[in-house]
């Protein structure tokens, strides 16, 4: 058994090789009571600010005749829940008292544990308070000028009445980016392989693919859509001049994002160790067979996260097709907004894009985390 002096941070401890080992727990922890006091003060301020904002929301709703039982119930629940922010601040204060008591008895270990706990509670309160403050600022913005912001961007009756038309038009965006993503996957791989062809005979092909990627990566997507959407019909070329605006948009987006995806493919292919290529060639596989059966399958697995990021950008850029007259979700919402002098339908389109983008973003995060775990474990 260790002595009480040893438990309290100093004294003698038995050694593995006999005798005693002298050691010291060091200096006492620094007094962190100030963090607890600050946390309590900030928590009280945020609670009162929350109550003030909720009262302002209630008054604003009442002034425009939008106040109802459901809204009032939500405001009451938020008001009752606001004091919960005091809990981590109170816990921080309690831990500060525990730390003081431990120091008074010379128990440095307990004092350090309590000090760490009070800081953890205080910082947790600061984090929650920051979130609440941001929400309060947003709420104040929406109720400013007699709910002018809310009526401009979130007029519920207009959103409800225009939702069906907006969703129908949104299917145009979905069709465009689904077809474009398939074509981009194929076209980007072709360009990447062309840029990596070995030998002097393939130098012109490498040059053309390099010029293409440099040009279309530097060309804004909206300019590309505008040039193709209006330029090709003016040329009078057979078949091409009679295509629908959505087809021109798909062509423009394929050319634009094909350049970006080609570089992603190229980075993935070049990340495969040269020994893989050497082993495949030593087995009698040709260069193209090596790419098909050995290099590209491994490269694609590594580049899925950046590919998904490019596809998320492509999905958002489908809203640019309105410049060539395609009735997509944004164009439809803009027509409705101009008829009602209100931007709520455009807000609906923004929410639709967010709804299809956020799940893919989280999927990218999970894939990146999985890849990092595999790399840390020494996998390929």
Protein backbone atom coordinates (compact mmCIF):
# COMPACT_ATOMS: atom_id res chain seq x y z
CA UNK A 1 0.00 0.00 0.00
CA UNK A 2 1.22 3.50 -0.78
CA UNK A 3 1.44 6.04 2.01
CA UNK A 4 -0.88 9.01 2.36
CA UNK A 5 1.99 11.32 1.46
CA UNK A 6 2.45 9.38 -1.76
CA UNK A 7 -1.28 9.65 -2.53
CA UNK A 8 -1.23 13.40 -1.99
CA UNK A 9 1.52 14.11 -4.42
CA UNK A 10 4.81 13.60 -2.64
CA UNK A 11 6.79 11.15 -0.52
CA UNK A 12 8.27 7.75 -1.13
CA UNK A 13 7.07 4.98 -3.39
CA UNK A 14 8.33 1.41 -3.47
CA UNK A 15 10.74 0.59 -6.30
CA UNK A 16 10.64 -2.54 -8.44
CA UNK A 17 14.24 -3.28 -7.46
CA UNK A 18 13.81 -2.72 -3.73
CA UNK A 19 14.26 0.36 -1.63
CA UNK A 20 12.27 3.51 -2.12
CA UNK A 21 11.87 5.89 -5.04
CA UNK A 22 11.42 9.57 -4.20
CA UNK A 23 9.20 11.67 -6.42
CA UNK A 24 7.07 14.81 -6.40
CA UNK A 25 3.73 15.59 -8.02
CA UNK A 26 4.90 19.08 -8.93
CA UNK A 27 3.23 22.39 -8.38
CA UNK A 28 -0.49 22.72 -7.56
CA UNK A 29 -2.83 23.40 -10.51
CA UNK A 30 -3.46 27.02 -11.41
CA UNK A 31 -6.67 28.48 -10.04
CA UNK A 32 -9.28 28.37 -12.83
CA UNK A 33 -12.23 29.77 -10.90
CA UNK A 34 -12.28 32.72 -13.29
CA UNK A 35 -13.42 30.40 -16.08
CA UNK A 36 -16.37 29.26 -13.95
CA UNK A 37 -17.40 32.82 -13.08
CA UNK A 38 -17.11 33.89 -16.72
CA UNK A 39 -19.15 30.86 -17.84
CA UNK A 40 -21.92 31.71 -15.37
CA UNK A 41 -21.97 35.35 -16.43
CA UNK A 42 -22.08 34.50 -20.15
CA UNK A 43 -24.76 31.84 -19.63
CA UNK A 44 -27.01 34.28 -17.75
CA UNK A 45 -26.56 36.92 -20.47
CA UNK A 46 -27.40 34.45 -23.23
CA UNK A 47 -30.50 33.20 -21.38
CA UNK A 48 -31.84 36.74 -20.98
CA UNK A 49 -31.00 37.51 -24.61
CA UNK A 50 -32.91 34.39 -25.64
CA UNK A 51 -35.98 35.42 -23.67
CA UNK A 52 -35.78 38.93 -25.17
CA UNK A 53 -35.53 37.55 -28.71
CA UNK A 54 -38.42 35.13 -28.17
CA UNK A 55 -40.54 38.01 -26.90
CA UNK A 56 -39.58 40.01 -29.99
CA UNK A 57 -40.61 37.13 -32.25
CA UNK A 58 -43.95 36.84 -30.47
CA UNK A 59 -44.57 40.58 -30.80
CA UNK A 60 -43.61 40.56 -34.48
CA UNK A 61 -45.93 37.66 -35.24
CA UNK A 62 -48.75 39.31 -33.35
CA UNK A 63 -48.27 42.62 -35.20
CA UNK A 64 -48.74 40.99 -38.61
CA UNK A 65 -51.52 38.67 -37.50
CA UNK A 66 -49.42 35.51 -37.98
CA UNK A 67 -49.40 34.46 -34.36
CA UNK A 68 -51.01 31.06 -33.71
CA UNK A 69 -51.15 28.38 -31.06
CA UNK A 70 -48.39 26.26 -32.61
CA UNK A 71 -45.99 29.18 -32.91
CA UNK A 72 -46.76 30.27 -29.36
CA UNK A 73 -46.16 26.74 -28.07
CA UNK A 74 -42.80 26.55 -29.84
CA UNK A 75 -41.76 29.89 -28.36
CA UNK A 76 -42.78 28.74 -24.87
CA UNK A 77 -40.80 25.52 -25.21
CA UNK A 78 -37.73 27.44 -26.36
CA UNK A 79 -38.11 29.84 -23.44
CA UNK A 80 -38.38 27.00 -20.94
CA UNK A 81 -35.38 25.22 -22.48
CA UNK A 82 -33.16 28.32 -22.47
CA UNK A 83 -32.06 27.98 -18.80
CA UNK A 84 -30.58 24.56 -19.62
CA UNK A 85 -27.56 26.55 -20.82
CA UNK A 86 -26.84 27.30 -17.15
CA UNK A 87 -26.24 23.62 -16.33
CA UNK A 88 -22.63 23.32 -17.62
CA UNK A 89 -21.82 26.71 -16.08
CA UNK A 90 -23.14 25.58 -12.69
CA UNK A 91 -21.23 22.31 -12.98
CA UNK A 92 -18.09 24.29 -13.75
CA UNK A 93 -18.63 26.34 -10.60
CA UNK A 94 -19.15 23.20 -8.51
CA UNK A 95 -15.91 21.70 -9.83
CA UNK A 96 -14.08 24.90 -8.91
CA UNK A 97 -15.24 24.45 -5.31
CA UNK A 98 -14.14 20.81 -5.39
CA UNK A 99 -10.71 21.90 -6.63
CA UNK A 100 -10.41 24.45 -3.83
CA UNK A 101 -11.35 21.83 -1.23
CA UNK A 102 -8.82 19.37 -2.65
CA UNK A 103 -6.08 21.98 -2.55
CA UNK A 104 -6.94 22.77 1.06
CA UNK A 105 -6.35 19.12 2.00
CA UNK A 106 -3.24 18.82 -0.17
CA UNK A 107 -4.78 16.32 -2.63
CA UNK A 108 -3.13 17.57 -5.82
CA UNK A 109 -4.46 14.73 -7.97
CA UNK A 110 -8.10 15.47 -7.09
CA UNK A 111 -7.43 19.18 -7.57
CA UNK A 112 -6.08 18.61 -11.07
CA UNK A 113 -9.03 16.38 -12.01
CA UNK A 114 -11.54 18.95 -10.75
CA UNK A 115 -9.72 21.81 -12.50
CA UNK A 116 -9.73 19.91 -15.79
CA UNK A 117 -13.44 19.15 -15.34
CA UNK A 118 -14.35 22.78 -14.62
CA UNK A 119 -12.52 23.91 -17.75
CA UNK A 120 -14.31 21.24 -19.78
CA UNK A 121 -17.72 22.35 -18.49
CA UNK A 122 -16.89 26.03 -19.03
CA UNK A 123 -15.68 25.51 -22.58
CA UNK A 124 -18.73 23.35 -23.35
CA UNK A 125 -20.94 26.19 -22.17
CA UNK A 126 -19.04 28.66 -24.37
CA UNK A 127 -19.55 26.38 -27.37
CA UNK A 128 -23.30 26.01 -26.77
CA UNK A 129 -23.58 29.73 -26.07
CA UNK A 130 -21.90 30.53 -29.39
CA UNK A 131 -24.44 28.37 -31.24
CA UNK A 132 -27.35 30.01 -29.41
CA UNK A 133 -25.97 33.50 -30.10
CA UNK A 134 -25.70 32.74 -33.82
CA UNK A 135 -29.29 31.50 -33.82
CA UNK A 136 -30.41 34.63 -31.97
CA UNK A 137 -28.67 36.87 -34.50
CA UNK A 138 -30.38 34.98 -37.33
CA UNK A 139 -33.74 35.29 -35.56
CA UNK A 140 -33.25 39.03 -35.06
CA UNK A 141 -32.39 39.34 -38.75
CA UNK A 142 -35.56 37.56 -39.79
CA UNK A 143 -37.86 39.61 -37.53
CA UNK A 144 -36.23 42.94 -38.39
CA UNK A 145 -38.39 45.62 -39.98
CA UNK A 146 -41.66 43.88 -39.11
CA UNK A 147 -40.66 40.49 -40.54
CA UNK A 148 -39.60 42.05 -43.86
CA UNK A 149 -36.82 39.49 -44.35
CA UNK A 150 -39.09 36.55 -43.52
CA UNK A 151 -41.81 37.78 -45.86
CA UNK A 152 -39.28 38.28 -48.68
CA UNK A 153 -37.55 34.90 -48.50
CA UNK A 154 -39.87 32.61 -46.53
CA UNK A 155 -43.45 33.44 -47.42
CA UNK A 156 -45.00 30.06 -46.62
CA UNK A 157 -48.23 30.38 -48.66
CA UNK A 158 -46.26 31.25 -51.81
CA UNK A 159 -43.78 28.43 -51.19
CA UNK A 160 -46.62 25.95 -50.78
CA UNK A 161 -48.49 27.11 -53.89
CA UNK A 162 -45.38 27.06 -56.11
CA UNK A 163 -43.79 23.91 -54.71
CA UNK A 164 -45.26 21.53 -57.29
CA UNK A 165 -44.12 23.62 -60.27
CA UNK A 166 -40.67 24.06 -58.75
CA UNK A 167 -40.19 20.34 -58.08
CA UNK A 168 -41.32 19.45 -61.62
CA UNK A 169 -38.78 21.90 -63.03
CA UNK A 170 -36.13 20.52 -60.66
CA UNK A 171 -36.35 17.18 -62.46
CA UNK A 172 -34.74 18.96 -65.39
CA UNK A 173 -31.71 19.70 -63.23
CA UNK A 174 -31.65 16.09 -62.07
CA UNK A 175 -31.75 14.73 -65.62
CA UNK A 176 -28.99 17.10 -66.70
CA UNK A 177 -26.57 16.25 -63.92
CA UNK A 178 -27.22 12.49 -64.01
CA UNK A 179 -26.50 12.27 -67.75
CA UNK A 180 -23.62 14.73 -67.51
CA UNK A 181 -22.00 12.84 -64.63
CA UNK A 182 -22.05 9.58 -66.60
CA UNK A 183 -20.53 11.26 -69.64
CA UNK A 184 -17.97 13.11 -67.51
CA UNK A 185 -16.79 9.84 -65.95
CA UNK A 186 -16.16 8.34 -69.39
CA UNK A 187 -14.79 11.44 -71.08
CA UNK A 188 -12.51 12.36 -68.18
CA UNK A 189 -10.95 8.89 -68.16
CA UNK A 190 -10.35 9.08 -71.93
CA UNK A 191 -8.61 12.44 -71.58
CA UNK A 192 -6.53 11.28 -68.62
CA UNK A 193 -5.32 8.17 -70.45
CA UNK A 194 -4.55 10.23 -73.54
CA UNK A 195 -2.43 12.58 -71.45
CA UNK A 196 -0.49 9.66 -69.94
CA UNK A 197 0.24 7.76 -73.15
CA UNK A 198 3.95 6.91 -73.27
CA UNK A 199 6.42 7.36 -76.11
CA UNK A 200 7.23 9.99 -78.73
CA UNK A 201 4.48 8.78 -81.06
CA UNK A 202 1.85 9.82 -78.51
CA UNK A 203 3.30 13.30 -78.00
CA UNK A 204 0.69 15.06 -80.22
CA UNK A 205 -2.12 13.29 -78.33
CA UNK A 206 -0.62 14.35 -75.01
CA UNK A 207 -0.32 17.91 -76.29
CA UNK A 208 -3.96 18.05 -77.40
CA UNK A 209 -5.23 16.63 -74.11
CA UNK A 210 -3.08 19.10 -72.16
CA UNK A 211 -4.39 22.05 -74.17
CA UNK A 212 -7.96 20.83 -73.66
CA UNK A 213 -7.65 20.48 -69.88
CA UNK A 214 -5.89 23.83 -69.50
CA UNK A 215 -8.44 25.64 -71.65
CA UNK A 216 -11.63 24.23 -70.14
CA UNK A 217 -10.37 24.41 -66.57
CA UNK A 218 -9.76 28.10 -67.13
CA UNK A 219 -13.10 28.72 -68.85
CA UNK A 220 -16.04 29.55 -66.52
CA UNK A 221 -18.90 27.08 -66.87
CA UNK A 222 -21.46 29.82 -67.54
CA UNK A 223 -19.46 31.13 -70.52
CA UNK A 224 -19.09 27.63 -71.91
CA UNK A 225 -22.84 27.00 -71.57
CA UNK A 226 -23.63 30.34 -73.21
CA UNK A 227 -21.26 29.78 -76.15
CA UNK A 228 -22.48 26.25 -76.83
CA UNK A 229 -26.16 26.92 -76.09
CA UNK A 230 -26.40 29.90 -78.43
CA UNK A 231 -23.44 29.34 -80.73
CA UNK A 232 -24.17 25.85 -82.07
CA UNK A 233 -27.76 26.67 -83.16
CA UNK A 234 -26.42 29.74 -85.01
CA UNK A 235 -23.96 27.58 -86.96
CA UNK A 236 -26.78 25.65 -88.64
CA UNK A 237 -24.92 22.35 -88.33
CA UNK A 238 -27.11 19.35 -89.16
CA UNK A 239 -28.54 17.47 -86.15
CA UNK A 240 -26.66 19.68 -83.66
CA UNK A 241 -28.70 22.79 -84.45
CA UNK A 242 -31.95 21.00 -83.56
CA UNK A 243 -30.97 19.77 -80.09
CA UNK A 244 -32.90 20.81 -76.99
CA UNK A 245 -31.38 23.39 -74.61
CA UNK A 246 -30.85 20.62 -72.04
CA UNK A 247 -28.66 18.74 -74.54
CA UNK A 248 -26.49 21.81 -75.05
CA UNK A 249 -26.22 22.17 -71.27
CA UNK A 250 -25.15 18.53 -70.92
CA UNK A 251 -22.53 18.97 -73.65
CA UNK A 252 -21.16 22.14 -72.07
CA UNK A 253 -21.00 20.67 -68.58
CA UNK A 254 -19.39 17.48 -69.89
CA UNK A 255 -16.64 19.47 -71.61
CA UNK A 256 -16.10 21.70 -68.57
CA UNK A 257 -16.08 19.07 -65.86
CA UNK A 258 -14.39 16.50 -68.08
CA UNK A 259 -11.25 18.64 -67.78
CA UNK A 260 -11.43 18.68 -63.98
CA UNK A 261 -12.21 14.97 -63.70
CA UNK A 262 -9.40 14.12 -66.14
CA UNK A 263 -6.93 15.71 -63.74
CA UNK A 264 -8.43 13.74 -60.86
CA UNK A 265 -8.07 10.53 -62.85
CA UNK A 266 -4.50 11.44 -63.77
CA UNK A 267 -3.57 12.05 -60.14
CA UNK A 268 -5.10 8.72 -59.15
CA UNK A 269 -3.32 6.82 -61.91
CA UNK A 270 0.03 8.41 -61.11
CA UNK A 271 -0.42 7.56 -57.42
CA UNK A 272 -0.19 3.84 -58.22
CA UNK A 273 3.34 2.63 -57.55
CA UNK A 274 5.43 1.95 -60.64
CA UNK A 275 6.10 -1.61 -59.42
CA UNK A 276 2.45 -2.45 -60.17
CA UNK A 277 2.95 -1.48 -63.81
CA UNK A 278 6.29 -3.26 -64.00
CA UNK A 279 4.82 -6.47 -62.59
CA UNK A 280 1.89 -6.37 -65.01
CA UNK A 281 4.12 -5.74 -68.01
CA UNK A 282 6.46 -8.54 -66.95
CA UNK A 283 3.48 -10.90 -67.09
CA UNK A 284 2.94 -10.00 -70.73
CA UNK A 285 0.14 -7.45 -70.39
CA UNK A 286 0.13 -4.58 -72.85
CA UNK A 287 0.08 -0.97 -71.67
CA UNK A 288 -3.70 -0.66 -72.17
CA UNK A 289 -4.32 -4.03 -70.50
CA UNK A 290 -2.20 -2.87 -67.55
CA UNK A 291 -4.31 0.24 -67.25
CA UNK A 292 -7.56 -1.67 -67.56
CA UNK A 293 -6.89 -4.56 -65.19
CA UNK A 294 -4.29 -3.22 -62.75
CA UNK A 295 -3.90 0.56 -62.58
CA UNK A 296 -7.34 2.08 -63.20
CA UNK A 297 -9.27 -0.16 -60.74
CA UNK A 298 -6.88 0.81 -57.94
CA UNK A 299 -6.82 4.46 -58.98
CA UNK A 300 -10.61 4.78 -59.05
CA UNK A 301 -10.87 3.51 -55.49
CA UNK A 302 -8.52 6.25 -54.35
CA UNK A 303 -10.17 9.11 -56.22
CA UNK A 304 -13.81 8.51 -55.25
CA UNK A 305 -13.89 11.37 -52.68
CA UNK A 306 -12.52 14.05 -55.05
CA UNK A 307 -14.76 12.71 -57.83
CA UNK A 308 -17.81 13.14 -55.62
CA UNK A 309 -16.72 16.68 -54.80
CA UNK A 310 -16.57 17.49 -58.52
CA UNK A 311 -20.00 15.97 -59.03
CA UNK A 312 -21.46 18.06 -56.22
CA UNK A 313 -20.14 21.16 -57.98
CA UNK A 314 -21.59 19.91 -61.28
CA UNK A 315 -25.01 19.48 -59.69
CA UNK A 316 -24.98 23.06 -58.45
CA UNK A 317 -23.85 24.36 -61.83
CA UNK A 318 -26.91 22.88 -63.51
CA UNK A 319 -28.68 26.04 -62.30
CA UNK A 320 -26.61 27.94 -64.88
CA UNK A 321 -28.62 26.43 -67.73
CA UNK A 322 -31.17 29.19 -67.28
CA UNK A 323 -28.92 31.44 -69.37
CA UNK A 324 -29.87 29.48 -72.50
CA UNK A 325 -33.59 29.44 -71.74
CA UNK A 326 -33.96 25.98 -70.23
CA UNK A 327 -36.87 25.84 -67.78
CA UNK A 328 -35.02 24.35 -64.85
CA UNK A 329 -35.91 24.84 -61.20
CA UNK A 330 -34.13 28.18 -60.90
CA UNK A 331 -35.67 29.58 -64.06
CA UNK A 332 -39.13 28.43 -62.99
CA UNK A 333 -38.66 29.93 -59.53
CA UNK A 334 -37.43 33.17 -61.02
CA UNK A 335 -40.57 33.42 -63.19
CA UNK A 336 -42.82 32.83 -60.18
CA UNK A 337 -40.82 35.30 -58.09
CA UNK A 338 -41.14 38.01 -60.75
CA UNK A 339 -44.89 37.48 -60.93
CA UNK A 340 -45.37 37.79 -57.15
CA UNK A 341 -42.50 40.21 -56.40
CA UNK A 342 -41.20 37.78 -53.80
CA UNK A 343 -38.11 35.55 -53.65
CA UNK A 344 -39.60 32.70 -51.63
CA UNK A 345 -39.72 30.31 -54.65
CA UNK A 346 -35.99 30.85 -55.16
CA UNK A 347 -35.47 29.91 -51.52
CA UNK A 348 -37.30 26.67 -52.29
CA UNK A 349 -34.83 25.92 -55.08
CA UNK A 350 -31.92 26.63 -52.75
CA UNK A 351 -33.33 24.18 -50.21
CA UNK A 352 -33.79 21.51 -52.88
CA UNK A 353 -30.15 21.78 -53.93
CA UNK A 354 -29.07 21.64 -50.29
CA UNK A 355 -31.18 18.53 -49.70
CA UNK A 356 -29.45 16.60 -52.49
CA UNK A 357 -25.99 17.96 -51.72
CA UNK A 358 -25.64 17.48 -47.96
CA UNK A 359 -26.01 13.64 -48.02
CA UNK A 360 -23.32 13.45 -50.69
CA UNK A 361 -21.06 15.76 -48.68
CA UNK A 362 -21.41 13.54 -45.63
CA UNK A 363 -20.69 10.50 -47.81
CA UNK A 364 -17.47 12.17 -49.00
CA UNK A 365 -16.47 12.79 -45.39
CA UNK A 366 -17.07 9.14 -44.49
CA UNK A 367 -15.06 7.94 -47.48
CA UNK A 368 -12.17 10.23 -46.57
CA UNK A 369 -12.24 9.02 -42.96
CA UNK A 370 -12.27 5.40 -44.13
CA UNK A 371 -9.32 6.07 -46.44
CA UNK A 372 -7.39 7.74 -43.62
CA UNK A 373 -8.03 4.80 -41.29
CA UNK A 374 -6.81 2.41 -43.98
CA UNK A 375 -3.66 4.46 -44.50
CA UNK A 376 -2.96 4.63 -40.78
CA UNK A 377 -3.39 0.85 -40.60
CA UNK A 378 -0.82 0.42 -43.35
CA UNK A 379 -3.26 -0.63 -46.05
CA UNK A 380 -3.18 0.35 -49.73
